[in-house]
Amino acid sequence: DQFLDVLTPIHEPRQNPMLSADIFGDIEPNQIRFKKPVKRTQEKKPPKFVAPKNLKPVSKSSGSDEKTNLFDGKLVVGNFVEHARFGKGEVLKIEGKGADVKAEINFEVGGVKKLLLRFAKLDVLG
């Protein structure tokens, strides 16, 4: 118990009895500032789009509107073909039209593959 008396002071020391919150008068709580005032900046609006005056109308191409097939069309079901990656194979099925012609081919390496003929680099063997 004697240690508590030593550790706990009898009276609390005050910083300065002359200072108190009353010397500033009554201040509204919404008027108290804790931070410095911040300058307001105007919001930057994106510039309005202005179309260039030197535009020319787009002309239609002289080619046909339908997509053209880049493959020559000599491929038929039962043909044997050769592909650089998959090797030799037999054409099982051809479907689609125009530029979207697909062939289902059974290759020696890789098995059955569906290839878009406009991109497939095939050599027709027979």
N, C-alpha and C. Protein backbone atom coordinates (compact mmCIF):
# COMPACT_ATOMS: atom_id res chain seq x y z
N ASP A 1 0.81 -1.20 0.00
CA ASP A 1 0.00 0.00 0.00
C ASP A 1 0.85 1.26 0.00
N GLN A 2 1.98 1.21 0.66
CA GLN A 2 2.80 2.42 0.73
C GLN A 2 3.35 2.81 -0.64
N PHE A 3 3.54 1.80 -1.52
CA PHE A 3 4.02 2.13 -2.86
C PHE A 3 2.96 2.86 -3.67
N LEU A 4 1.69 2.53 -3.45
CA LEU A 4 0.61 3.22 -4.16
C LEU A 4 0.56 4.68 -3.76
N ASP A 5 0.83 4.99 -2.53
CA ASP A 5 0.83 6.38 -2.09
C ASP A 5 1.95 7.16 -2.77
N VAL A 6 3.07 6.52 -2.99
CA VAL A 6 4.19 7.19 -3.63
C VAL A 6 3.89 7.40 -5.11
N LEU A 7 3.30 6.40 -5.74
CA LEU A 7 3.04 6.47 -7.17
C LEU A 7 1.85 7.35 -7.52
N THR A 8 0.87 7.43 -6.67
CA THR A 8 -0.33 8.21 -6.95
C THR A 8 -0.22 9.56 -6.25
N PRO A 9 -0.11 10.67 -7.00
CA PRO A 9 -0.02 11.98 -6.35
C PRO A 9 -1.36 12.37 -5.72
N ILE A 10 -1.28 13.17 -4.70
CA ILE A 10 -2.48 13.61 -3.99
C ILE A 10 -3.27 14.60 -4.84
N HIS A 11 -2.60 15.52 -5.44
CA HIS A 11 -3.29 16.49 -6.32
C HIS A 11 -2.64 16.47 -7.71
N GLU A 12 -3.46 16.79 -8.70
CA GLU A 12 -2.96 16.77 -10.07
C GLU A 12 -2.41 18.15 -10.42
N PRO A 13 -1.21 18.21 -10.95
CA PRO A 13 -0.68 19.52 -11.33
C PRO A 13 -1.38 20.04 -12.58
N ARG A 14 -1.69 21.33 -12.59
CA ARG A 14 -2.31 21.95 -13.75
C ARG A 14 -1.24 22.67 -14.54
N GLN A 15 -1.51 22.79 -15.84
CA GLN A 15 -0.51 23.43 -16.68
C GLN A 15 -0.41 24.91 -16.37
N ASN A 16 -1.46 25.60 -16.55
CA ASN A 16 -1.47 27.02 -16.24
C ASN A 16 -2.90 27.37 -15.85
N PRO A 17 -3.11 27.76 -14.63
CA PRO A 17 -4.48 28.04 -14.19
C PRO A 17 -5.09 29.25 -14.91
N MET A 18 -4.26 30.09 -15.57
CA MET A 18 -4.79 31.27 -16.25
C MET A 18 -5.41 30.92 -17.61
N LEU A 19 -5.02 29.78 -18.16
CA LEU A 19 -5.58 29.38 -19.45
C LEU A 19 -6.81 28.52 -19.24
N SER A 20 -7.85 28.86 -19.91
CA SER A 20 -9.03 28.01 -19.91
C SER A 20 -9.75 28.22 -21.23
N ALA A 21 -10.67 27.35 -21.55
CA ALA A 21 -11.40 27.44 -22.81
C ALA A 21 -12.33 28.65 -22.82
N ASP A 22 -12.62 29.21 -21.66
CA ASP A 22 -13.55 30.34 -21.59
C ASP A 22 -12.95 31.64 -22.12
N ILE A 23 -11.64 31.74 -22.24
CA ILE A 23 -11.05 33.01 -22.66
C ILE A 23 -11.32 33.30 -24.14
N PHE A 24 -11.70 32.26 -24.93
CA PHE A 24 -11.96 32.47 -26.35
C PHE A 24 -13.42 32.79 -26.62
N GLY A 25 -14.26 32.72 -25.62
CA GLY A 25 -15.67 33.00 -25.82
C GLY A 25 -16.38 31.78 -26.39
N ASP A 26 -17.64 31.98 -26.73
CA ASP A 26 -18.42 30.88 -27.29
C ASP A 26 -18.17 30.79 -28.79
N ILE A 27 -17.71 29.62 -29.23
CA ILE A 27 -17.45 29.38 -30.65
C ILE A 27 -18.38 28.27 -31.10
N GLU A 28 -19.05 28.52 -32.20
CA GLU A 28 -19.93 27.50 -32.75
C GLU A 28 -19.09 26.30 -33.20
N PRO A 29 -19.56 25.09 -32.99
CA PRO A 29 -18.78 23.90 -33.38
C PRO A 29 -18.53 23.83 -34.89
N ASN A 30 -19.45 24.36 -35.70
CA ASN A 30 -19.24 24.30 -37.14
C ASN A 30 -18.24 25.35 -37.62
N GLN A 31 -17.81 26.24 -36.75
CA GLN A 31 -16.85 27.27 -37.12
C GLN A 31 -15.42 26.89 -36.76
N ILE A 32 -15.25 25.80 -36.05
CA ILE A 32 -13.91 25.39 -35.64
C ILE A 32 -13.20 24.78 -36.84
N ARG A 33 -11.98 25.25 -37.09
CA ARG A 33 -11.17 24.74 -38.21
C ARG A 33 -10.00 23.96 -37.66
N PHE A 34 -9.84 22.77 -38.16
CA PHE A 34 -8.69 21.97 -37.75
C PHE A 34 -7.64 21.92 -38.84
N LYS A 35 -8.04 22.28 -40.07
CA LYS A 35 -7.12 22.27 -41.19
C LYS A 35 -7.06 23.65 -41.81
N LYS A 36 -5.98 23.89 -42.53
CA LYS A 36 -5.86 25.16 -43.24
C LYS A 36 -6.86 25.19 -44.39
N PRO A 37 -7.33 26.37 -44.77
CA PRO A 37 -8.27 26.43 -45.89
C PRO A 37 -7.62 25.97 -47.19
N VAL A 38 -8.40 25.30 -48.01
CA VAL A 38 -7.93 24.77 -49.28
C VAL A 38 -8.51 25.61 -50.40
N LYS A 39 -7.65 26.02 -51.32
CA LYS A 39 -8.13 26.80 -52.45
C LYS A 39 -8.95 25.90 -53.36
N ARG A 40 -10.06 26.43 -53.81
CA ARG A 40 -10.91 25.66 -54.72
C ARG A 40 -10.37 25.80 -56.14
N THR A 41 -10.35 24.67 -56.82
CA THR A 41 -9.92 24.69 -58.21
C THR A 41 -11.11 24.38 -59.09
N GLN A 42 -11.13 24.98 -60.25
CA GLN A 42 -12.21 24.72 -61.18
C GLN A 42 -12.02 23.34 -61.79
N GLU A 43 -13.13 22.65 -61.98
CA GLU A 43 -13.05 21.34 -62.61
C GLU A 43 -12.71 21.53 -64.07
N LYS A 44 -11.72 20.75 -64.52
CA LYS A 44 -11.32 20.85 -65.92
C LYS A 44 -12.28 20.03 -66.76
N LYS A 45 -12.96 20.67 -67.66
CA LYS A 45 -13.89 19.99 -68.54
C LYS A 45 -13.14 19.54 -69.78
N PRO A 46 -13.44 18.35 -70.26
CA PRO A 46 -12.76 17.91 -71.49
C PRO A 46 -13.20 18.80 -72.65
N PRO A 47 -12.28 19.06 -73.57
CA PRO A 47 -12.64 19.93 -74.69
C PRO A 47 -13.69 19.26 -75.56
N LYS A 48 -14.56 20.07 -76.12
CA LYS A 48 -15.60 19.54 -77.00
C LYS A 48 -14.96 19.03 -78.27
N PHE A 49 -15.52 17.94 -78.81
CA PHE A 49 -14.99 17.35 -80.03
C PHE A 49 -15.40 18.22 -81.21
N VAL A 50 -14.41 18.58 -81.99
CA VAL A 50 -14.66 19.34 -83.20
C VAL A 50 -14.15 18.50 -84.37
N ALA A 51 -15.04 18.20 -85.29
CA ALA A 51 -14.66 17.37 -86.44
C ALA A 51 -13.74 18.15 -87.36
N PRO A 52 -12.68 17.52 -87.85
CA PRO A 52 -11.79 18.20 -88.79
C PRO A 52 -12.55 18.58 -90.06
N LYS A 53 -12.16 19.68 -90.66
CA LYS A 53 -12.87 20.18 -91.84
C LYS A 53 -12.35 19.57 -93.13
N ASN A 54 -11.22 18.89 -93.10
CA ASN A 54 -10.63 18.37 -94.34
C ASN A 54 -10.94 16.89 -94.56
N LEU A 55 -12.06 16.40 -94.06
CA LEU A 55 -12.42 14.99 -94.24
C LEU A 55 -13.02 14.77 -95.63
N LYS A 56 -12.73 13.61 -96.18
CA LYS A 56 -13.27 13.25 -97.49
C LYS A 56 -14.20 12.06 -97.31
N PRO A 57 -15.25 11.96 -98.12
CA PRO A 57 -16.14 10.81 -98.00
C PRO A 57 -15.44 9.53 -98.42
N VAL A 58 -15.78 8.44 -97.77
CA VAL A 58 -15.18 7.15 -98.07
C VAL A 58 -15.87 6.56 -99.28
N SER A 59 -15.08 6.14 -100.25
CA SER A 59 -15.67 5.55 -101.45
C SER A 59 -15.75 4.04 -101.28
N LYS A 60 -16.74 3.43 -101.94
CA LYS A 60 -16.87 1.98 -101.89
C LYS A 60 -15.75 1.35 -102.70
N SER A 61 -15.29 0.19 -102.23
CA SER A 61 -14.23 -0.49 -102.97
C SER A 61 -14.82 -1.08 -104.25
N SER A 62 -13.99 -1.24 -105.24
CA SER A 62 -14.46 -1.74 -106.53
C SER A 62 -14.79 -3.23 -106.49
N GLY A 63 -14.33 -3.94 -105.45
CA GLY A 63 -14.58 -5.37 -105.33
C GLY A 63 -16.02 -5.64 -104.95
N SER A 64 -16.41 -6.90 -104.99
CA SER A 64 -17.79 -7.26 -104.65
C SER A 64 -17.99 -7.14 -103.14
N ASP A 65 -19.24 -6.97 -102.74
CA ASP A 65 -19.56 -6.83 -101.33
C ASP A 65 -19.40 -8.15 -100.58
N GLU A 66 -19.60 -9.27 -101.28
CA GLU A 66 -19.50 -10.57 -100.63
C GLU A 66 -18.04 -10.92 -100.40
N LYS A 67 -17.77 -11.54 -99.26
CA LYS A 67 -16.40 -11.95 -98.95
C LYS A 67 -15.97 -13.01 -99.96
N THR A 68 -14.81 -12.85 -100.49
CA THR A 68 -14.33 -13.83 -101.47
C THR A 68 -13.53 -14.90 -100.76
N ASN A 69 -13.60 -16.10 -101.27
CA ASN A 69 -12.86 -17.21 -100.69
C ASN A 69 -11.42 -17.15 -101.18
N LEU A 70 -10.50 -17.16 -100.27
CA LEU A 70 -9.09 -17.10 -100.64
C LEU A 70 -8.57 -18.48 -101.05
N PHE A 71 -9.36 -19.52 -100.81
CA PHE A 71 -8.97 -20.87 -101.21
C PHE A 71 -9.54 -21.13 -102.60
N ASP A 72 -8.82 -21.83 -103.44
CA ASP A 72 -9.21 -21.97 -104.85
C ASP A 72 -10.42 -22.87 -105.08
N GLY A 73 -10.87 -23.63 -104.09
CA GLY A 73 -12.07 -24.44 -104.24
C GLY A 73 -11.85 -25.78 -104.90
N LYS A 74 -10.63 -26.19 -105.14
CA LYS A 74 -10.35 -27.48 -105.79
C LYS A 74 -10.42 -28.63 -104.80
N LEU A 75 -10.61 -28.33 -103.54
CA LEU A 75 -10.61 -29.36 -102.51
C LEU A 75 -11.99 -30.03 -102.45
N VAL A 76 -12.01 -31.36 -102.43
CA VAL A 76 -13.26 -32.12 -102.30
C VAL A 76 -13.07 -33.19 -101.24
N VAL A 77 -14.19 -33.72 -100.75
CA VAL A 77 -14.13 -34.77 -99.73
C VAL A 77 -13.42 -35.98 -100.31
N GLY A 78 -12.50 -36.52 -99.56
CA GLY A 78 -11.74 -37.69 -100.00
C GLY A 78 -10.34 -37.33 -100.50
N ASN A 79 -10.09 -36.05 -100.76
CA ASN A 79 -8.75 -35.63 -101.21
C ASN A 79 -7.73 -35.83 -100.09
N PHE A 80 -6.50 -36.01 -100.51
CA PHE A 80 -5.40 -36.05 -99.55
C PHE A 80 -4.66 -34.72 -99.64
N VAL A 81 -4.35 -34.14 -98.48
CA VAL A 81 -3.68 -32.84 -98.42
C VAL A 81 -2.47 -32.94 -97.53
N GLU A 82 -1.62 -31.91 -97.61
CA GLU A 82 -0.45 -31.84 -96.74
C GLU A 82 -0.41 -30.47 -96.09
N HIS A 83 -0.16 -30.48 -94.79
CA HIS A 83 -0.09 -29.25 -93.99
C HIS A 83 1.30 -29.19 -93.38
N ALA A 84 1.85 -27.99 -93.26
CA ALA A 84 3.22 -27.83 -92.76
C ALA A 84 3.37 -28.36 -91.33
N ARG A 85 2.36 -28.18 -90.50
CA ARG A 85 2.48 -28.57 -89.09
C ARG A 85 1.93 -29.97 -88.82
N PHE A 86 0.78 -30.30 -89.44
CA PHE A 86 0.11 -31.56 -89.13
C PHE A 86 0.48 -32.69 -90.08
N GLY A 87 1.16 -32.39 -91.16
CA GLY A 87 1.56 -33.44 -92.10
C GLY A 87 0.45 -33.78 -93.08
N LYS A 88 0.44 -35.05 -93.51
CA LYS A 88 -0.55 -35.50 -94.50
C LYS A 88 -1.86 -35.86 -93.81
N GLY A 89 -2.96 -35.64 -94.56
CA GLY A 89 -4.27 -35.97 -94.02
C GLY A 89 -5.30 -36.13 -95.11
N GLU A 90 -6.46 -36.69 -94.72
CA GLU A 90 -7.56 -36.92 -95.66
C GLU A 90 -8.72 -36.01 -95.30
N VAL A 91 -9.33 -35.38 -96.32
CA VAL A 91 -10.46 -34.48 -96.12
C VAL A 91 -11.69 -35.32 -95.83
N LEU A 92 -12.31 -35.10 -94.66
CA LEU A 92 -13.49 -35.86 -94.26
C LEU A 92 -14.78 -35.11 -94.57
N LYS A 93 -14.76 -33.78 -94.44
CA LYS A 93 -15.99 -33.00 -94.56
C LYS A 93 -15.64 -31.57 -94.95
N ILE A 94 -16.48 -30.94 -95.77
CA ILE A 94 -16.32 -29.52 -96.12
C ILE A 94 -17.65 -28.84 -95.84
N GLU A 95 -17.61 -27.70 -95.14
CA GLU A 95 -18.84 -26.97 -94.82
C GLU A 95 -18.60 -25.48 -94.87
N GLY A 96 -19.70 -24.72 -95.01
CA GLY A 96 -19.62 -23.27 -95.06
C GLY A 96 -19.57 -22.77 -96.48
N LYS A 97 -19.62 -21.43 -96.62
CA LYS A 97 -19.53 -20.85 -97.96
C LYS A 97 -18.83 -19.51 -97.89
N GLY A 98 -18.43 -19.03 -99.04
CA GLY A 98 -17.72 -17.76 -99.10
C GLY A 98 -16.35 -17.89 -98.46
N ALA A 99 -16.02 -16.91 -97.63
CA ALA A 99 -14.71 -16.90 -96.98
C ALA A 99 -14.69 -17.78 -95.74
N ASP A 100 -15.86 -18.32 -95.35
CA ASP A 100 -15.93 -19.11 -94.13
C ASP A 100 -16.01 -20.61 -94.39
N VAL A 101 -15.37 -21.09 -95.45
CA VAL A 101 -15.37 -22.52 -95.75
C VAL A 101 -14.41 -23.21 -94.79
N LYS A 102 -14.93 -24.27 -94.13
CA LYS A 102 -14.12 -25.04 -93.18
C LYS A 102 -14.01 -26.47 -93.70
N ALA A 103 -12.89 -27.09 -93.42
CA ALA A 103 -12.70 -28.49 -93.79
C ALA A 103 -12.30 -29.27 -92.56
N GLU A 104 -12.90 -30.45 -92.42
CA GLU A 104 -12.54 -31.35 -91.33
C GLU A 104 -11.59 -32.38 -91.94
N ILE A 105 -10.36 -32.41 -91.41
CA ILE A 105 -9.31 -33.23 -92.01
C ILE A 105 -8.72 -34.15 -90.94
N ASN A 106 -8.53 -35.42 -91.29
CA ASN A 106 -7.91 -36.39 -90.39
C ASN A 106 -6.43 -36.46 -90.74
N PHE A 107 -5.59 -35.85 -89.90
CA PHE A 107 -4.15 -35.79 -90.14
C PHE A 107 -3.45 -36.97 -89.47
N GLU A 108 -2.28 -37.32 -90.02
CA GLU A 108 -1.45 -38.37 -89.42
C GLU A 108 -0.94 -37.91 -88.06
N VAL A 109 -0.55 -36.65 -87.97
CA VAL A 109 -0.07 -36.08 -86.72
C VAL A 109 -1.14 -35.11 -86.21
N GLY A 110 -1.71 -35.39 -85.06
CA GLY A 110 -2.69 -34.47 -84.49
C GLY A 110 -4.13 -34.93 -84.62
N GLY A 111 -4.42 -35.92 -85.43
CA GLY A 111 -5.79 -36.43 -85.53
C GLY A 111 -6.69 -35.53 -86.37
N VAL A 112 -7.99 -35.54 -86.03
CA VAL A 112 -9.00 -34.79 -86.79
C VAL A 112 -8.96 -33.32 -86.37
N LYS A 113 -8.84 -32.44 -87.37
CA LYS A 113 -8.80 -30.99 -87.13
C LYS A 113 -9.80 -30.31 -88.04
N LYS A 114 -10.40 -29.21 -87.55
CA LYS A 114 -11.26 -28.37 -88.37
C LYS A 114 -10.46 -27.12 -88.71
N LEU A 115 -10.27 -26.87 -89.99
CA LEU A 115 -9.45 -25.73 -90.42
C LEU A 115 -10.27 -24.79 -91.28
N LEU A 116 -10.08 -23.51 -91.09
CA LEU A 116 -10.68 -22.49 -91.95
C LEU A 116 -9.79 -22.40 -93.18
N LEU A 117 -10.36 -22.71 -94.34
CA LEU A 117 -9.53 -22.88 -95.53
C LEU A 117 -8.85 -21.60 -96.00
N ARG A 118 -9.42 -20.45 -95.67
CA ARG A 118 -8.75 -19.22 -96.13
C ARG A 118 -7.44 -18.98 -95.39
N PHE A 119 -7.26 -19.61 -94.23
CA PHE A 119 -6.01 -19.45 -93.48
C PHE A 119 -5.12 -20.68 -93.55
N ALA A 120 -5.71 -21.84 -93.77
CA ALA A 120 -4.94 -23.08 -93.79
C ALA A 120 -4.09 -23.13 -95.05
N LYS A 121 -2.82 -23.39 -94.88
CA LYS A 121 -1.92 -23.51 -96.02
C LYS A 121 -1.79 -24.99 -96.35
N LEU A 122 -2.67 -25.43 -97.24
CA LEU A 122 -2.73 -26.84 -97.59
C LEU A 122 -2.25 -27.05 -99.02
N ASP A 123 -1.54 -28.14 -99.23
CA ASP A 123 -1.17 -28.58 -100.57
C ASP A 123 -2.02 -29.79 -100.90
N VAL A 124 -2.78 -29.73 -102.01
CA VAL A 124 -3.63 -30.85 -102.41
C VAL A 124 -2.74 -31.89 -103.09
N LEU A 125 -2.74 -33.11 -102.53
CA LEU A 125 -1.92 -34.19 -103.07
C LEU A 125 -2.71 -35.04 -104.07
N GLY A 126 -3.97 -35.18 -103.87
CA GLY A 126 -4.76 -35.99 -104.81
C GLY A 126 -6.08 -36.37 -104.25
